[in-house]
Amino acid sequence: FLDVHLMISRPDRLLDSFIESGADLINVHVEEC
């Protein structure tokens, strides 16, 4: 199971690429959303 922890600025702009990469779980920071 791939838990992908996005410590990135404005993660919404890249969600599709991480979803398509094979992540099972997308982990976003409340501070950036």
PDB file of all heavy atoms in Angstrom:
ATOM      1  N   PHE A   1       0.859  -1.183   0.000  1.00  0.00           N
ATOM      2  CA  PHE A   1       0.000   0.000   0.000  1.00  0.00           C
ATOM      3  C   PHE A   1       0.898   1.237   0.000  1.00  0.00           C
ATOM      4  O   PHE A   1       1.802   1.355   0.828  1.00  0.00           O
ATOM      5  CB  PHE A   1      -0.860  -0.044   1.264  1.00  0.00           C
ATOM      6  CG  PHE A   1      -1.908   1.012   1.357  1.00  0.00           C
ATOM      7  CD1 PHE A   1      -3.179   0.788   0.875  1.00  0.00           C
ATOM      8  CD2 PHE A   1      -1.619   2.234   1.946  1.00  0.00           C
ATOM      9  CE1 PHE A   1      -4.156   1.768   0.970  1.00  0.00           C
ATOM     10  CE2 PHE A   1      -2.584   3.216   2.048  1.00  0.00           C
ATOM     11  CZ  PHE A   1      -3.862   2.978   1.556  1.00  0.00           C
ATOM     12  N   LEU A   2       0.670   2.161  -0.933  1.00  0.00           N
ATOM     13  CA  LEU A   2       1.506   3.360  -1.038  1.00  0.00           C
ATOM     14  C   LEU A   2       0.808   4.565  -0.412  1.00  0.00           C
ATOM     15  O   LEU A   2      -0.186   5.066  -0.932  1.00  0.00           O
ATOM     16  CB  LEU A   2       1.852   3.672  -2.498  1.00  0.00           C
ATOM     17  CG  LEU A   2       2.704   2.645  -3.231  1.00  0.00           C
ATOM     18  CD1 LEU A   2       3.023   3.130  -4.639  1.00  0.00           C
ATOM     19  CD2 LEU A   2       3.977   2.336  -2.468  1.00  0.00           C
ATOM     20  N   ASP A   3       1.362   5.018   0.697  1.00  0.00           N
ATOM     21  CA  ASP A   3       0.911   6.213   1.416  1.00  0.00           C
ATOM     22  C   ASP A   3       1.794   7.362   0.933  1.00  0.00           C
ATOM     23  O   ASP A   3       2.953   7.460   1.308  1.00  0.00           O
ATOM     24  CB  ASP A   3       1.067   5.963   2.921  1.00  0.00           C
ATOM     25  CG  ASP A   3       1.039   7.214   3.776  1.00  0.00           C
ATOM     26  OD1 ASP A   3       0.612   8.281   3.293  1.00  0.00           O
ATOM     27  OD2 ASP A   3       1.454   7.119   4.944  1.00  0.00           O
ATOM     28  N   VAL A   4       1.236   8.216   0.068  1.00  0.00           N
ATOM     29  CA  VAL A   4       2.010   9.293  -0.538  1.00  0.00           C
ATOM     30  C   VAL A   4       1.721  10.595   0.207  1.00  0.00           C
ATOM     31  O   VAL A   4       0.607  11.115   0.173  1.00  0.00           O
ATOM     32  CB  VAL A   4       1.695   9.413  -2.045  1.00  0.00           C
ATOM     33  CG1 VAL A   4       2.428  10.590  -2.656  1.00  0.00           C
ATOM     34  CG2 VAL A   4       2.079   8.109  -2.759  1.00  0.00           C
ATOM     35  N   HIS A   5       2.733  11.084   0.892  1.00  0.00           N
ATOM     36  CA  HIS A   5       2.647  12.256   1.766  1.00  0.00           C
ATOM     37  C   HIS A   5       3.133  13.479   0.997  1.00  0.00           C
ATOM     38  O   HIS A   5       4.326  13.659   0.782  1.00  0.00           O
ATOM     39  CB  HIS A   5       3.501  11.998   3.006  1.00  0.00           C
ATOM     40  CG  HIS A   5       3.527  13.113   3.977  1.00  0.00           C
ATOM     41  ND1 HIS A   5       4.445  13.165   5.001  1.00  0.00           N
ATOM     42  CD2 HIS A   5       2.767  14.228   4.122  1.00  0.00           C
ATOM     43  CE1 HIS A   5       4.253  14.256   5.721  1.00  0.00           C
ATOM     44  NE2 HIS A   5       3.236  14.922   5.192  1.00  0.00           N
ATOM     45  N   LEU A   6       2.190  14.326   0.588  1.00  0.00           N
ATOM     46  CA  LEU A   6       2.500  15.499  -0.219  1.00  0.00           C
ATOM     47  C   LEU A   6       2.874  16.687   0.657  1.00  0.00           C
ATOM     48  O   LEU A   6       2.007  17.391   1.170  1.00  0.00           O
ATOM     49  CB  LEU A   6       1.315  15.860  -1.122  1.00  0.00           C
ATOM     50  CG  LEU A   6       0.855  14.784  -2.094  1.00  0.00           C
ATOM     51  CD1 LEU A   6      -0.300  15.306  -2.943  1.00  0.00           C
ATOM     52  CD2 LEU A   6       2.002  14.293  -2.965  1.00  0.00           C
ATOM     53  N   MET A   7       4.154  16.905   0.827  1.00  0.00           N
ATOM     54  CA  MET A   7       4.652  18.094   1.515  1.00  0.00           C
ATOM     55  C   MET A   7       5.003  19.113   0.442  1.00  0.00           C
ATOM     56  O   MET A   7       6.163  19.457   0.220  1.00  0.00           O
ATOM     57  CB  MET A   7       5.868  17.736   2.376  1.00  0.00           C
ATOM     58  CG  MET A   7       5.514  16.887   3.573  1.00  0.00           C
ATOM     59  SD  MET A   7       6.960  16.493   4.569  1.00  0.00           S
ATOM     60  CE  MET A   7       7.483  14.995   3.749  1.00  0.00           C
ATOM     61  N   ILE A   8       3.950  19.552  -0.254  1.00  0.00           N
ATOM     62  CA  ILE A   8       4.136  20.433  -1.402  1.00  0.00           C
ATOM     63  C   ILE A   8       3.178  21.618  -1.322  1.00  0.00           C
ATOM     64  O   ILE A   8       2.111  21.535  -0.724  1.00  0.00           O
ATOM     65  CB  ILE A   8       3.942  19.687  -2.738  1.00  0.00           C
ATOM     66  CG1 ILE A   8       2.524  19.155  -2.898  1.00  0.00           C
ATOM     67  CG2 ILE A   8       4.950  18.551  -2.860  1.00  0.00           C
ATOM     68  CD1 ILE A   8       2.240  18.522  -4.240  1.00  0.00           C
ATOM     69  N   SER A   9       3.568  22.690  -1.950  1.00  0.00           N
ATOM     70  CA  SER A   9       2.742  23.880  -2.043  1.00  0.00           C
ATOM     71  C   SER A   9       1.610  23.635  -3.046  1.00  0.00           C
ATOM     72  O   SER A   9       1.834  23.049  -4.109  1.00  0.00           O
ATOM     73  CB  SER A   9       3.613  25.055  -2.501  1.00  0.00           C
ATOM     74  OG  SER A   9       2.849  26.207  -2.649  1.00  0.00           O
ATOM     75  N   ARG A  10       0.424  24.042  -2.693  1.00  0.00           N
ATOM     76  CA  ARG A  10      -0.754  23.937  -3.559  1.00  0.00           C
ATOM     77  C   ARG A  10      -0.906  22.532  -4.166  1.00  0.00           C
ATOM     78  O   ARG A  10      -0.842  22.349  -5.388  1.00  0.00           O
ATOM     79  CB  ARG A  10      -0.698  25.001  -4.646  1.00  0.00           C
ATOM     80  CG  ARG A  10      -0.682  26.404  -4.093  1.00  0.00           C
ATOM     81  CD  ARG A  10      -0.588  27.541  -5.113  1.00  0.00           C
ATOM     82  NE  ARG A  10      -0.796  27.198  -6.486  1.00  0.00           N
ATOM     83  CZ  ARG A  10       0.135  27.320  -7.457  1.00  0.00           C
ATOM     84  NH1 ARG A  10       1.326  27.796  -7.178  1.00  0.00           N
ATOM     85  NH2 ARG A  10      -0.148  26.992  -8.700  1.00  0.00           N
ATOM     86  N   PRO A  11      -1.126  21.521  -3.337  1.00  0.00           N
ATOM     87  CA  PRO A  11      -1.180  20.150  -3.850  1.00  0.00           C
ATOM     88  C   PRO A  11      -2.316  19.892  -4.839  1.00  0.00           C
ATOM     89  O   PRO A  11      -2.197  18.995  -5.677  1.00  0.00           O
ATOM     90  CB  PRO A  11      -1.356  19.303  -2.586  1.00  0.00           C
ATOM     91  CG  PRO A  11      -1.940  20.223  -1.588  1.00  0.00           C
ATOM     92  CD  PRO A  11      -1.380  21.578  -1.897  1.00  0.00           C
ATOM     93  N   ASP A  12      -3.369  20.688  -4.791  1.00  0.00           N
ATOM     94  CA  ASP A  12      -4.494  20.459  -5.703  1.00  0.00           C
ATOM     95  C   ASP A  12      -4.070  20.449  -7.167  1.00  0.00           C
ATOM     96  O   ASP A  12      -4.601  19.699  -7.970  1.00  0.00           O
ATOM     97  CB  ASP A  12      -5.582  21.523  -5.497  1.00  0.00           C
ATOM     98  CG  ASP A  12      -6.277  21.385  -4.171  1.00  0.00           C
ATOM     99  OD1 ASP A  12      -6.748  20.271  -3.863  1.00  0.00           O
ATOM    100  OD2 ASP A  12      -6.357  22.377  -3.434  1.00  0.00           O
ATOM    101  N   ARG A  13      -3.093  21.268  -7.504  1.00  0.00           N
ATOM    102  CA  ARG A  13      -2.676  21.387  -8.900  1.00  0.00           C
ATOM    103  C   ARG A  13      -1.993  20.131  -9.421  1.00  0.00           C
ATOM    104  O   ARG A  13      -1.901  19.919 -10.640  1.00  0.00           O
ATOM    105  CB  ARG A  13      -1.758  22.605  -9.078  1.00  0.00           C
ATOM    106  CG  ARG A  13      -0.462  22.497  -8.330  1.00  0.00           C
ATOM    107  CD  ARG A  13       0.308  23.831  -8.254  1.00  0.00           C
ATOM    108  NE  ARG A  13       1.306  23.742  -7.231  1.00  0.00           N
ATOM    109  CZ  ARG A  13       2.528  23.240  -7.414  1.00  0.00           C
ATOM    110  NH1 ARG A  13       2.901  22.843  -8.598  1.00  0.00           N
ATOM    111  NH2 ARG A  13       3.374  23.173  -6.411  1.00  0.00           N
ATOM    112  N   LEU A  14      -1.539  19.258  -8.517  1.00  0.00           N
ATOM    113  CA  LEU A  14      -0.806  18.053  -8.927  1.00  0.00           C
ATOM    114  C   LEU A  14      -1.494  16.750  -8.514  1.00  0.00           C
ATOM    115  O   LEU A  14      -0.915  15.674  -8.706  1.00  0.00           O
ATOM    116  CB  LEU A  14       0.608  18.085  -8.351  1.00  0.00           C
ATOM    117  CG  LEU A  14       1.494  19.229  -8.834  1.00  0.00           C
ATOM    118  CD1 LEU A  14       2.788  19.282  -8.052  1.00  0.00           C
ATOM    119  CD2 LEU A  14       1.762  19.106 -10.318  1.00  0.00           C
ATOM    120  N   LEU A  15      -2.683  16.827  -7.963  1.00  0.00           N
ATOM    121  CA  LEU A  15      -3.345  15.620  -7.469  1.00  0.00           C
ATOM    122  C   LEU A  15      -3.466  14.537  -8.534  1.00  0.00           C
ATOM    123  O   LEU A  15      -3.185  13.368  -8.272  1.00  0.00           O
ATOM    124  CB  LEU A  15      -4.725  15.947  -6.898  1.00  0.00           C
ATOM    125  CG  LEU A  15      -4.747  16.647  -5.552  1.00  0.00           C
ATOM    126  CD1 LEU A  15      -6.180  16.983  -5.166  1.00  0.00           C
ATOM    127  CD2 LEU A  15      -4.069  15.827  -4.472  1.00  0.00           C
ATOM    128  N   ASP A  16      -3.909  14.923  -9.720  1.00  0.00           N
ATOM    129  CA  ASP A  16      -4.104  13.915 -10.768  1.00  0.00           C
ATOM    130  C   ASP A  16      -2.833  13.135 -11.070  1.00  0.00           C
ATOM    131  O   ASP A  16      -2.873  11.919 -11.247  1.00  0.00           O
ATOM    132  CB  ASP A  16      -4.648  14.559 -12.046  1.00  0.00           C
ATOM    133  CG  ASP A  16      -6.101  14.981 -11.916  1.00  0.00           C
ATOM    134  OD1 ASP A  16      -6.848  14.350 -11.142  1.00  0.00           O
ATOM    135  OD2 ASP A  16      -6.488  15.957 -12.582  1.00  0.00           O
ATOM    136  N   SER A  17      -1.705  13.818 -11.114  1.00  0.00           N
ATOM    137  CA  SER A  17      -0.462  13.112 -11.435  1.00  0.00           C
ATOM    138  C   SER A  17      -0.073  12.120 -10.340  1.00  0.00           C
ATOM    139  O   SER A  17       0.451  11.041 -10.637  1.00  0.00           O
ATOM    140  CB  SER A  17       0.673  14.091 -11.715  1.00  0.00           C
ATOM    141  OG  SER A  17       0.932  14.895 -10.593  1.00  0.00           O
ATOM    142  N   PHE A  18      -0.358  12.459  -9.082  1.00  0.00           N
ATOM    143  CA  PHE A  18      -0.053  11.517  -7.997  1.00  0.00           C
ATOM    144  C   PHE A  18      -1.061  10.378  -7.953  1.00  0.00           C
ATOM    145  O   PHE A  18      -0.698   9.234  -7.668  1.00  0.00           O
ATOM    146  CB  PHE A  18       0.036  12.245  -6.656  1.00  0.00           C
ATOM    147  CG  PHE A  18       1.298  13.046  -6.520  1.00  0.00           C
ATOM    148  CD1 PHE A  18       1.287  14.411  -6.690  1.00  0.00           C
ATOM    149  CD2 PHE A  18       2.504  12.425  -6.265  1.00  0.00           C
ATOM    150  CE1 PHE A  18       2.453  15.156  -6.604  1.00  0.00           C
ATOM    151  CE2 PHE A  18       3.681  13.143  -6.180  1.00  0.00           C
ATOM    152  CZ  PHE A  18       3.656  14.515  -6.351  1.00  0.00           C
ATOM    153  N   ILE A  19      -2.297  10.664  -8.259  1.00  0.00           N
ATOM    154  CA  ILE A  19      -3.319   9.613  -8.320  1.00  0.00           C
ATOM    155  C   ILE A  19      -2.969   8.626  -9.427  1.00  0.00           C
ATOM    156  O   ILE A  19      -2.986   7.407  -9.221  1.00  0.00           O
ATOM    157  CB  ILE A  19      -4.714  10.246  -8.517  1.00  0.00           C
ATOM    158  CG1 ILE A  19      -5.136  10.972  -7.236  1.00  0.00           C
ATOM    159  CG2 ILE A  19      -5.742   9.205  -8.939  1.00  0.00           C
ATOM    160  CD1 ILE A  19      -6.292  11.935  -7.390  1.00  0.00           C
ATOM    161  N   GLU A  20      -2.625   9.139 -10.589  1.00  0.00           N
ATOM    162  CA  GLU A  20      -2.289   8.294 -11.741  1.00  0.00           C
ATOM    163  C   GLU A  20      -0.984   7.529 -11.551  1.00  0.00           C
ATOM    164  O   GLU A  20      -0.769   6.493 -12.189  1.00  0.00           O
ATOM    165  CB  GLU A  20      -2.226   9.148 -13.009  1.00  0.00           C
ATOM    166  CG  GLU A  20      -3.574   9.706 -13.406  1.00  0.00           C
ATOM    167  CD  GLU A  20      -3.496  10.836 -14.415  1.00  0.00           C
ATOM    168  OE1 GLU A  20      -2.390  11.129 -14.941  1.00  0.00           O
ATOM    169  OE2 GLU A  20      -4.548  11.457 -14.678  1.00  0.00           O
ATOM    170  N   SER A  21      -0.110   8.010 -10.676  1.00  0.00           N
ATOM    171  CA  SER A  21       1.180   7.353 -10.462  1.00  0.00           C
ATOM    172  C   SER A  21       1.057   6.023  -9.732  1.00  0.00           C
ATOM    173  O   SER A  21       1.993   5.232  -9.737  1.00  0.00           O
ATOM    174  CB  SER A  21       2.123   8.271  -9.676  1.00  0.00           C
ATOM    175  OG  SER A  21       1.714   8.365  -8.322  1.00  0.00           O
ATOM    176  N   GLY A  22      -0.088   5.792  -9.085  1.00  0.00           N
ATOM    177  CA  GLY A  22      -0.282   4.528  -8.382  1.00  0.00           C
ATOM    178  C   GLY A  22      -0.379   4.650  -6.879  1.00  0.00           C
ATOM    179  O   GLY A  22      -0.391   3.640  -6.178  1.00  0.00           O
ATOM    180  N   ALA A  23      -0.473   5.863  -6.355  1.00  0.00           N
ATOM    181  CA  ALA A  23      -0.663   6.049  -4.915  1.00  0.00           C
ATOM    182  C   ALA A  23      -1.975   5.399  -4.485  1.00  0.00           C
ATOM    183  O   ALA A  23      -2.967   5.457  -5.216  1.00  0.00           O
ATOM    184  CB  ALA A  23      -0.693   7.539  -4.580  1.00  0.00           C
ATOM    185  N   ASP A  24      -1.969   4.777  -3.320  1.00  0.00           N
ATOM    186  CA  ASP A  24      -3.204   4.224  -2.756  1.00  0.00           C
ATOM    187  C   ASP A  24      -3.883   5.220  -1.841  1.00  0.00           C
ATOM    188  O   ASP A  24      -5.106   5.216  -1.698  1.00  0.00           O
ATOM    189  CB  ASP A  24      -2.899   2.944  -1.968  1.00  0.00           C
ATOM    190  CG  ASP A  24      -2.408   1.837  -2.878  1.00  0.00           C
ATOM    191  OD1 ASP A  24      -3.149   1.480  -3.820  1.00  0.00           O
ATOM    192  OD2 ASP A  24      -1.287   1.348  -2.664  1.00  0.00           O
ATOM    193  N   LEU A  25      -3.080   6.057  -1.213  1.00  0.00           N
ATOM    194  CA  LEU A  25      -3.570   7.070  -0.287  1.00  0.00           C
ATOM    195  C   LEU A  25      -2.823   8.362  -0.582  1.00  0.00           C
ATOM    196  O   LEU A  25      -1.609   8.347  -0.772  1.00  0.00           O
ATOM    197  CB  LEU A  25      -3.320   6.630   1.157  1.00  0.00           C
ATOM    198  CG  LEU A  25      -3.692   7.614   2.261  1.00  0.00           C
ATOM    199  CD1 LEU A  25      -4.274   6.870   3.455  1.00  0.00           C
ATOM    200  CD2 LEU A  25      -2.503   8.438   2.700  1.00  0.00           C
ATOM    201  N   ILE A  26      -3.566   9.451  -0.644  1.00  0.00           N
ATOM    202  CA  ILE A  26      -2.966  10.769  -0.847  1.00  0.00           C
ATOM    203  C   ILE A  26      -3.098  11.535   0.462  1.00  0.00           C
ATOM    204  O   ILE A  26      -4.206  11.709   0.985  1.00  0.00           O
ATOM    205  CB  ILE A  26      -3.656  11.561  -1.983  1.00  0.00           C
ATOM    206  CG1 ILE A  26      -3.679  10.764  -3.276  1.00  0.00           C
ATOM    207  CG2 ILE A  26      -3.011  12.934  -2.141  1.00  0.00           C
ATOM    208  CD1 ILE A  26      -2.357  10.618  -3.969  1.00  0.00           C
ATOM    209  N   ASN A  27      -1.971  11.984   0.965  1.00  0.00           N
ATOM    210  CA  ASN A  27      -1.886  12.647   2.263  1.00  0.00           C
ATOM    211  C   ASN A  27      -1.508  14.105   2.025  1.00  0.00           C
ATOM    212  O   ASN A  27      -0.420  14.395   1.543  1.00  0.00           O
ATOM    213  CB  ASN A  27      -0.795  11.915   3.062  1.00  0.00           C
ATOM    214  CG  ASN A  27      -0.755  12.286   4.501  1.00  0.00           C
ATOM    215  OD1 ASN A  27      -1.240  13.333   4.901  1.00  0.00           O
ATOM    216  ND2 ASN A  27      -0.142  11.425   5.284  1.00  0.00           N
ATOM    217  N   VAL A  28      -2.443  15.030   2.317  1.00  0.00           N
ATOM    218  CA  VAL A  28      -2.203  16.454   2.086  1.00  0.00           C
ATOM    219  C   VAL A  28      -2.088  17.192   3.418  1.00  0.00           C
ATOM    220  O   VAL A  28      -2.641  16.761   4.425  1.00  0.00           O
ATOM    221  CB  VAL A  28      -3.318  17.095   1.224  1.00  0.00           C
ATOM    222  CG1 VAL A  28      -3.342  16.495  -0.167  1.00  0.00           C
ATOM    223  CG2 VAL A  28      -4.679  16.975   1.889  1.00  0.00           C
ATOM    224  N   HIS A  29      -1.380  18.305   3.398  1.00  0.00           N
ATOM    225  CA  HIS A  29      -1.238  19.135   4.595  1.00  0.00           C
ATOM    226  C   HIS A  29      -2.365  20.143   4.664  1.00  0.00           C
ATOM    227  O   HIS A  29      -2.622  20.860   3.686  1.00  0.00           O
ATOM    228  CB  HIS A  29       0.116  19.859   4.597  1.00  0.00           C
ATOM    229  CG  HIS A  29       1.185  19.054   5.235  1.00  0.00           C
ATOM    230  ND1 HIS A  29       1.563  19.227   6.537  1.00  0.00           N
ATOM    231  CD2 HIS A  29       1.921  18.038   4.748  1.00  0.00           C
ATOM    232  CE1 HIS A  29       2.510  18.355   6.833  1.00  0.00           C
ATOM    233  NE2 HIS A  29       2.742  17.617   5.762  1.00  0.00           N
ATOM    234  N   VAL A  30      -3.017  20.205   5.817  1.00  0.00           N
ATOM    235  CA  VAL A  30      -4.100  21.157   6.020  1.00  0.00           C
ATOM    236  C   VAL A  30      -3.605  22.584   5.791  1.00  0.00           C
ATOM    237  O   VAL A  30      -4.352  23.433   5.291  1.00  0.00           O
ATOM    238  CB  VAL A  30      -4.732  20.991   7.426  1.00  0.00           C
ATOM    239  CG1 VAL A  30      -3.742  21.324   8.523  1.00  0.00           C
ATOM    240  CG2 VAL A  30      -5.977  21.847   7.581  1.00  0.00           C
ATOM    241  N   GLU A  31      -2.345  22.845   6.083  1.00  0.00           N
ATOM    242  CA  GLU A  31      -1.778  24.188   5.950  1.00  0.00           C
ATOM    243  C   GLU A  31      -1.739  24.659   4.488  1.00  0.00           C
ATOM    244  O   GLU A  31      -1.646  25.850   4.228  1.00  0.00           O
ATOM    245  CB  GLU A  31      -0.360  24.239   6.537  1.00  0.00           C
ATOM    246  CG  GLU A  31      -0.264  23.883   7.993  1.00  0.00           C
ATOM    247  CD  GLU A  31      -0.112  22.388   8.254  1.00  0.00           C
ATOM    248  OE1 GLU A  31      -0.062  21.587   7.291  1.00  0.00           O
ATOM    249  OE2 GLU A  31      -0.062  22.012   9.435  1.00  0.00           O
ATOM    250  N   GLU A  32      -1.798  23.735   3.545  1.00  0.00           N
ATOM    251  CA  GLU A  32      -1.688  24.078   2.122  1.00  0.00           C
ATOM    252  C   GLU A  32      -2.990  23.891   1.345  1.00  0.00           C
ATOM    253  O   GLU A  32      -2.977  24.006   0.123  1.00  0.00           O
ATOM    254  CB  GLU A  32      -0.587  23.244   1.460  1.00  0.00           C
ATOM    255  CG  GLU A  32       0.791  23.765   1.725  1.00  0.00           C
ATOM    256  CD  GLU A  32       1.042  25.141   1.111  1.00  0.00           C
ATOM    257  OE1 GLU A  32       0.643  25.391  -0.044  1.00  0.00           O
ATOM    258  OE2 GLU A  32       1.643  25.979   1.806  1.00  0.00           O
ATOM    259  N   CYS A  33      -4.071  23.581   2.030  1.00  0.00           N
ATOM    260  CA  CYS A  33      -5.343  23.317   1.338  1.00  0.00           C
ATOM    261  C   CYS A  33      -6.428  24.257   1.857  1.00  0.00           C
ATOM    262  O   CYS A  33      -7.114  23.936   2.837  1.00  0.00           O
ATOM    263  CB  CYS A  33      -5.767  21.870   1.539  1.00  0.00           C
ATOM    264  SG  CYS A  33      -4.670  20.682   0.751  1.00  0.00           S
TER     265      CYS A  33
END
